[in-house]
Amino acid sequence: MELKINGKTHSVEVEPGMPLLWVIRDELNMTGTKYGCGVSACGSCTVMIDGVATRTCTFPASAAEGKEIKTIEGIAAAGQLSAVQKAWIQHQVPQCGYCQSGMIMAAESLLDQNPNPTDEDINKSMTNICRCGTYQRIRAAIHTAAKMRAEQSGLQG
């Protein structure tokens, strides 16, 4: 099967039902996407599929064929961190850091769909679990990233 990940097509020989997470991690050695729970509850395995935050630990690889997949490795463009990544650093969001790649992917997807989310929008959209409880910093970082993105688009427009 062929999967388009971070703009590059990868040919893999795997069972169609193999979870996309294991294809990404074990077959393609992109280990930024994490395994957390195995039941799509925690969100550590989140990537974007056609721009939508998707949990991959139960998502069959065959269902991703023909779709655009973006992992945490594909977020920084031309060696520059994304606005979300910069805001994550600015607000010192991670404690243990384990959930952060999934959190960042969910935040990127949220901001792509809603460039200026309210606290309520963030609370509804960001359903990933952070065992360290950094939700207030996550919310603040998303607001900062939204402002950064708006400023960037204003400069480019």
C-alpha atoms as a PDB file:
ATOM      1  CA  MET A   1       0.000   0.000   0.000  1.00  0.00           C
ATOM      2  CA  GLU A   2       1.070   3.582  -0.556  1.00  0.00           C
ATOM      3  CA  LEU A   3       0.708   6.270   2.077  1.00  0.00           C
ATOM      4  CA  LYS A   4       1.403   9.967   1.598  1.00  0.00           C
ATOM      5  CA  ILE A   5       2.971  11.242   4.807  1.00  0.00           C
ATOM      6  CA  ASN A   6       4.367  14.745   5.218  1.00  0.00           C
ATOM      7  CA  GLY A   7       4.247  15.255   1.454  1.00  0.00           C
ATOM      8  CA  LYS A   8       6.210  12.112   0.618  1.00  0.00           C
ATOM      9  CA  THR A   9       4.781   8.847  -0.719  1.00  0.00           C
ATOM     10  CA  HIS A  10       5.827   5.712   1.175  1.00  0.00           C
ATOM     11  CA  SER A  11       5.270   2.172  -0.062  1.00  0.00           C
ATOM     12  CA  VAL A  12       4.721  -0.287   2.779  1.00  0.00           C
ATOM     13  CA  GLU A  13       3.833  -3.944   2.841  1.00  0.00           C
ATOM     14  CA  VAL A  14       1.567  -4.379   5.839  1.00  0.00           C
ATOM     15  CA  GLU A  15      -1.752  -5.986   6.663  1.00  0.00           C
ATOM     16  CA  PRO A  16      -4.597  -3.601   5.727  1.00  0.00           C
ATOM     17  CA  GLY A  17      -5.951  -3.668   9.287  1.00  0.00           C
ATOM     18  CA  MET A  18      -2.642  -2.754  10.891  1.00  0.00           C
ATOM     19  CA  PRO A  19      -3.140   0.462  12.880  1.00  0.00           C
ATOM     20  CA  LEU A  20      -1.666   3.477  11.123  1.00  0.00           C
ATOM     21  CA  LEU A  21       0.287   4.279  14.298  1.00  0.00           C
ATOM     22  CA  TRP A  22       2.369   1.111  13.936  1.00  0.00           C
ATOM     23  CA  VAL A  23       2.996   1.751  10.248  1.00  0.00           C
ATOM     24  CA  ILE A  24       4.222   5.269  11.053  1.00  0.00           C
ATOM     25  CA  ARG A  25       6.351   4.206  14.022  1.00  0.00           C
ATOM     26  CA  ASP A  26       7.546   0.679  13.229  1.00  0.00           C
ATOM     27  CA  GLU A  27       7.580   0.529   9.446  1.00  0.00           C
ATOM     28  CA  LEU A  28       8.598   4.122   8.647  1.00  0.00           C
ATOM     29  CA  ASN A  29      10.561   4.877  11.848  1.00  0.00           C
ATOM     30  CA  MET A  30       8.797   8.196  12.518  1.00  0.00           C
ATOM     31  CA  THR A  31       8.685   7.956  16.277  1.00  0.00           C
ATOM     32  CA  GLY A  32       7.327  11.413  17.151  1.00  0.00           C
ATOM     33  CA  THR A  33       3.773  10.049  17.170  1.00  0.00           C
ATOM     34  CA  LYS A  34       3.311   8.185  20.459  1.00  0.00           C
ATOM     35  CA  TYR A  35       1.425   5.127  21.655  1.00  0.00           C
ATOM     36  CA  GLY A  36      -0.639   5.883  24.732  1.00  0.00           C
ATOM     37  CA  CYS A  37      -3.724   3.790  25.347  1.00  0.00           C
ATOM     38  CA  GLY A  38      -4.444   1.678  22.256  1.00  0.00           C
ATOM     39  CA  VAL A  39      -8.175   2.506  22.319  1.00  0.00           C
ATOM     40  CA  SER A  40      -8.222   6.054  20.829  1.00  0.00           C
ATOM     41  CA  ALA A  41      -8.987   7.604  24.209  1.00  0.00           C
ATOM     42  CA  CYS A  42      -5.863   9.583  25.125  1.00  0.00           C
ATOM     43  CA  GLY A  43      -4.829  11.209  21.843  1.00  0.00           C
ATOM     44  CA  SER A  44      -1.068  10.616  22.093  1.00  0.00           C
ATOM     45  CA  CYS A  45      -1.231   9.003  18.651  1.00  0.00           C
ATOM     46  CA  THR A  46      -2.913  11.978  16.946  1.00  0.00           C
ATOM     47  CA  VAL A  47      -1.877  12.951  13.417  1.00  0.00           C
ATOM     48  CA  MET A  48      -3.772  14.947  10.809  1.00  0.00           C
ATOM     49  CA  ILE A  49      -5.468  13.064   7.999  1.00  0.00           C
ATOM     50  CA  ASP A  50      -6.760  15.399   5.310  1.00  0.00           C
ATOM     51  CA  GLY A  51      -6.412  18.192   7.870  1.00  0.00           C
ATOM     52  CA  VAL A  52      -8.466  16.510  10.585  1.00  0.00           C
ATOM     53  CA  ALA A  53      -6.939  15.461  13.914  1.00  0.00           C
ATOM     54  CA  THR A  54      -7.162  11.659  13.890  1.00  0.00           C
ATOM     55  CA  ARG A  55      -6.161   9.088  16.488  1.00  0.00           C
ATOM     56  CA  THR A  56      -4.136   6.403  14.786  1.00  0.00           C
ATOM     57  CA  CYS A  57      -3.822   3.590  17.326  1.00  0.00           C
ATOM     58  CA  THR A  58      -7.103   2.075  16.087  1.00  0.00           C
ATOM     59  CA  PHE A  59      -7.238   3.646  12.603  1.00  0.00           C
ATOM     60  CA  PRO A  60      -6.482   1.000   9.927  1.00  0.00           C
ATOM     61  CA  ALA A  61      -3.616   1.885   7.604  1.00  0.00           C
ATOM     62  CA  SER A  62      -5.725   0.890   4.595  1.00  0.00           C
ATOM     63  CA  ALA A  63      -8.216   3.663   5.457  1.00  0.00           C
ATOM     64  CA  ALA A  64      -5.402   6.218   5.075  1.00  0.00           C
ATOM     65  CA  GLU A  65      -4.549   5.298   1.487  1.00  0.00           C
ATOM     66  CA  GLY A  66      -5.059   8.221  -0.888  1.00  0.00           C
ATOM     67  CA  LYS A  67      -5.201  10.721   1.956  1.00  0.00           C
ATOM     68  CA  GLU A  68      -2.777  13.428   3.095  1.00  0.00           C
ATOM     69  CA  ILE A  69      -1.224  12.410   6.394  1.00  0.00           C
ATOM     70  CA  LYS A  70       0.753  14.876   8.484  1.00  0.00           C
ATOM     71  CA  THR A  71       2.721  13.795  11.537  1.00  0.00           C
ATOM     72  CA  ILE A  72       4.554  15.894  14.098  1.00  0.00           C
ATOM     73  CA  GLU A  73       7.664  15.497  11.929  1.00  0.00           C
ATOM     74  CA  GLY A  74       5.898  17.419   9.151  1.00  0.00           C
ATOM     75  CA  ILE A  75       4.806  20.475  11.141  1.00  0.00           C
ATOM     76  CA  ALA A  76       7.942  22.622  10.999  1.00  0.00           C
ATOM     77  CA  ALA A  77       8.310  24.161   7.530  1.00  0.00           C
ATOM     78  CA  ALA A  78      11.700  24.972   6.016  1.00  0.00           C
ATOM     79  CA  GLY A  79      13.359  24.407   9.375  1.00  0.00           C
ATOM     80  CA  GLN A  80      11.071  26.911  11.131  1.00  0.00           C
ATOM     81  CA  LEU A  81       8.844  25.872  13.994  1.00  0.00           C
ATOM     82  CA  SER A  82       5.126  26.398  13.495  1.00  0.00           C
ATOM     83  CA  ALA A  83       3.254  29.041  15.480  1.00  0.00           C
ATOM     84  CA  VAL A  84       1.833  26.288  17.681  1.00  0.00           C
ATOM     85  CA  GLN A  85       5.285  24.862  18.390  1.00  0.00           C
ATOM     86  CA  LYS A  86       6.636  28.343  19.206  1.00  0.00           C
ATOM     87  CA  ALA A  87       3.683  29.045  21.519  1.00  0.00           C
ATOM     88  CA  TRP A  88       4.171  25.658  23.225  1.00  0.00           C
ATOM     89  CA  ILE A  89       7.741  26.684  24.052  1.00  0.00           C
ATOM     90  CA  GLN A  90       6.762  30.224  25.067  1.00  0.00           C
ATOM     91  CA  HIS A  91       4.131  28.947  27.510  1.00  0.00           C
ATOM     92  CA  GLN A  92       6.286  26.034  28.698  1.00  0.00           C
ATOM     93  CA  VAL A  93       3.405  23.650  28.050  1.00  0.00           C
ATOM     94  CA  PRO A  94       5.115  20.262  28.454  1.00  0.00           C
ATOM     95  CA  GLN A  95       5.947  18.743  31.770  1.00  0.00           C
ATOM     96  CA  CYS A  96       6.722  15.108  31.007  1.00  0.00           C
ATOM     97  CA  GLY A  97       6.131  15.806  27.298  1.00  0.00           C
ATOM     98  CA  TYR A  98       4.758  12.408  26.346  1.00  0.00           C
ATOM     99  CA  CYS A  99       1.384  13.636  25.066  1.00  0.00           C
ATOM    100  CA  GLN A 100       2.754  16.730  23.368  1.00  0.00           C
ATOM    101  CA  SER A 101       3.066  15.528  19.776  1.00  0.00           C
ATOM    102  CA  GLY A 102      -0.606  14.513  19.798  1.00  0.00           C
ATOM    103  CA  MET A 103      -1.592  17.741  21.558  1.00  0.00           C
ATOM    104  CA  ILE A 104       0.289  19.843  19.009  1.00  0.00           C
ATOM    105  CA  MET A 105      -1.320  17.986  16.107  1.00  0.00           C
ATOM    106  CA  ALA A 106      -4.789  18.491  17.621  1.00  0.00           C
ATOM    107  CA  ALA A 107      -4.046  22.198  18.165  1.00  0.00           C
ATOM    108  CA  GLU A 108      -2.781  22.609  14.587  1.00  0.00           C
ATOM    109  CA  SER A 109      -5.962  21.002  13.267  1.00  0.00           C
ATOM    110  CA  LEU A 110      -8.144  23.174  15.520  1.00  0.00           C
ATOM    111  CA  LEU A 111      -6.466  26.384  14.344  1.00  0.00           C
ATOM    112  CA  ASP A 112      -6.665  25.304  10.695  1.00  0.00           C
ATOM    113  CA  GLN A 113     -10.430  24.893  11.117  1.00  0.00           C
ATOM    114  CA  ASN A 114     -11.023  27.774  13.546  1.00  0.00           C
ATOM    115  CA  PRO A 115      -8.323  30.480  13.372  1.00  0.00           C
ATOM    116  CA  ASN A 116      -9.623  32.382  16.423  1.00  0.00           C
ATOM    117  CA  PRO A 117     -11.081  29.875  18.908  1.00  0.00           C
ATOM    118  CA  THR A 118     -12.679  30.839  22.198  1.00  0.00           C
ATOM    119  CA  ASP A 119     -11.852  29.026  25.437  1.00  0.00           C
ATOM    120  CA  GLU A 120     -15.053  27.036  24.939  1.00  0.00           C
ATOM    121  CA  ASP A 121     -13.992  26.071  21.379  1.00  0.00           C
ATOM    122  CA  ILE A 122     -10.618  24.921  22.693  1.00  0.00           C
ATOM    123  CA  ASN A 123     -12.167  22.950  25.546  1.00  0.00           C
ATOM    124  CA  LYS A 124     -14.546  21.175  23.134  1.00  0.00           C
ATOM    125  CA  SER A 125     -11.904  20.451  20.509  1.00  0.00           C
ATOM    126  CA  MET A 126      -8.882  19.518  22.603  1.00  0.00           C
ATOM    127  CA  THR A 127      -9.954  16.145  23.961  1.00  0.00           C
ATOM    128  CA  ASN A 128      -6.451  14.703  24.275  1.00  0.00           C
ATOM    129  CA  ILE A 129      -5.417  13.679  27.771  1.00  0.00           C
ATOM    130  CA  CYS A 130      -2.461  15.274  29.551  1.00  0.00           C
ATOM    131  CA  ARG A 131      -1.684  13.354  32.715  1.00  0.00           C
ATOM    132  CA  CYS A 132       0.405  16.275  33.950  1.00  0.00           C
ATOM    133  CA  GLY A 133      -2.647  18.541  33.730  1.00  0.00           C
ATOM    134  CA  THR A 134      -1.186  21.389  31.674  1.00  0.00           C
ATOM    135  CA  TYR A 135      -4.566  22.266  30.163  1.00  0.00           C
ATOM    136  CA  GLN A 136      -4.439  25.957  31.167  1.00  0.00           C
ATOM    137  CA  ARG A 137      -1.036  26.343  29.501  1.00  0.00           C
ATOM    138  CA  ILE A 138      -2.305  24.461  26.447  1.00  0.00           C
ATOM    139  CA  ARG A 139      -5.262  26.856  26.160  1.00  0.00           C
ATOM    140  CA  ALA A 140      -2.984  29.902  26.569  1.00  0.00           C
ATOM    141  CA  ALA A 141      -0.562  28.545  23.963  1.00  0.00           C
ATOM    142  CA  ILE A 142      -3.387  27.990  21.464  1.00  0.00           C
ATOM    143  CA  HIS A 143      -4.535  31.594  21.900  1.00  0.00           C
ATOM    144  CA  THR A 144      -0.939  32.798  21.408  1.00  0.00           C
ATOM    145  CA  ALA A 145      -0.514  30.605  18.314  1.00  0.00           C
ATOM    146  CA  ALA A 146      -3.763  31.994  16.881  1.00  0.00           C
ATOM    147  CA  LYS A 147      -2.392  35.529  17.296  1.00  0.00           C
ATOM    148  CA  MET A 148       0.943  34.532  15.737  1.00  0.00           C
ATOM    149  CA  ARG A 149      -0.817  32.966  12.764  1.00  0.00           C
ATOM    150  CA  ALA A 150      -2.999  36.077  12.318  1.00  0.00           C
ATOM    151  CA  GLU A 151       0.083  38.303  12.390  1.00  0.00           C
ATOM    152  CA  GLN A 152       1.878  36.045   9.890  1.00  0.00           C
ATOM    153  CA  SER A 153      -1.065  36.050   7.493  1.00  0.00           C
ATOM    154  CA  GLY A 154      -1.321  39.852   7.854  1.00  0.00           C
ATOM    155  CA  LEU A 155       2.328  40.169   6.877  1.00  0.00           C
ATOM    156  CA  GLN A 156       1.865  37.859   3.909  1.00  0.00           C
ATOM    157  CA  GLY A 157      -1.413  39.478   2.745  1.00  0.00           C
END
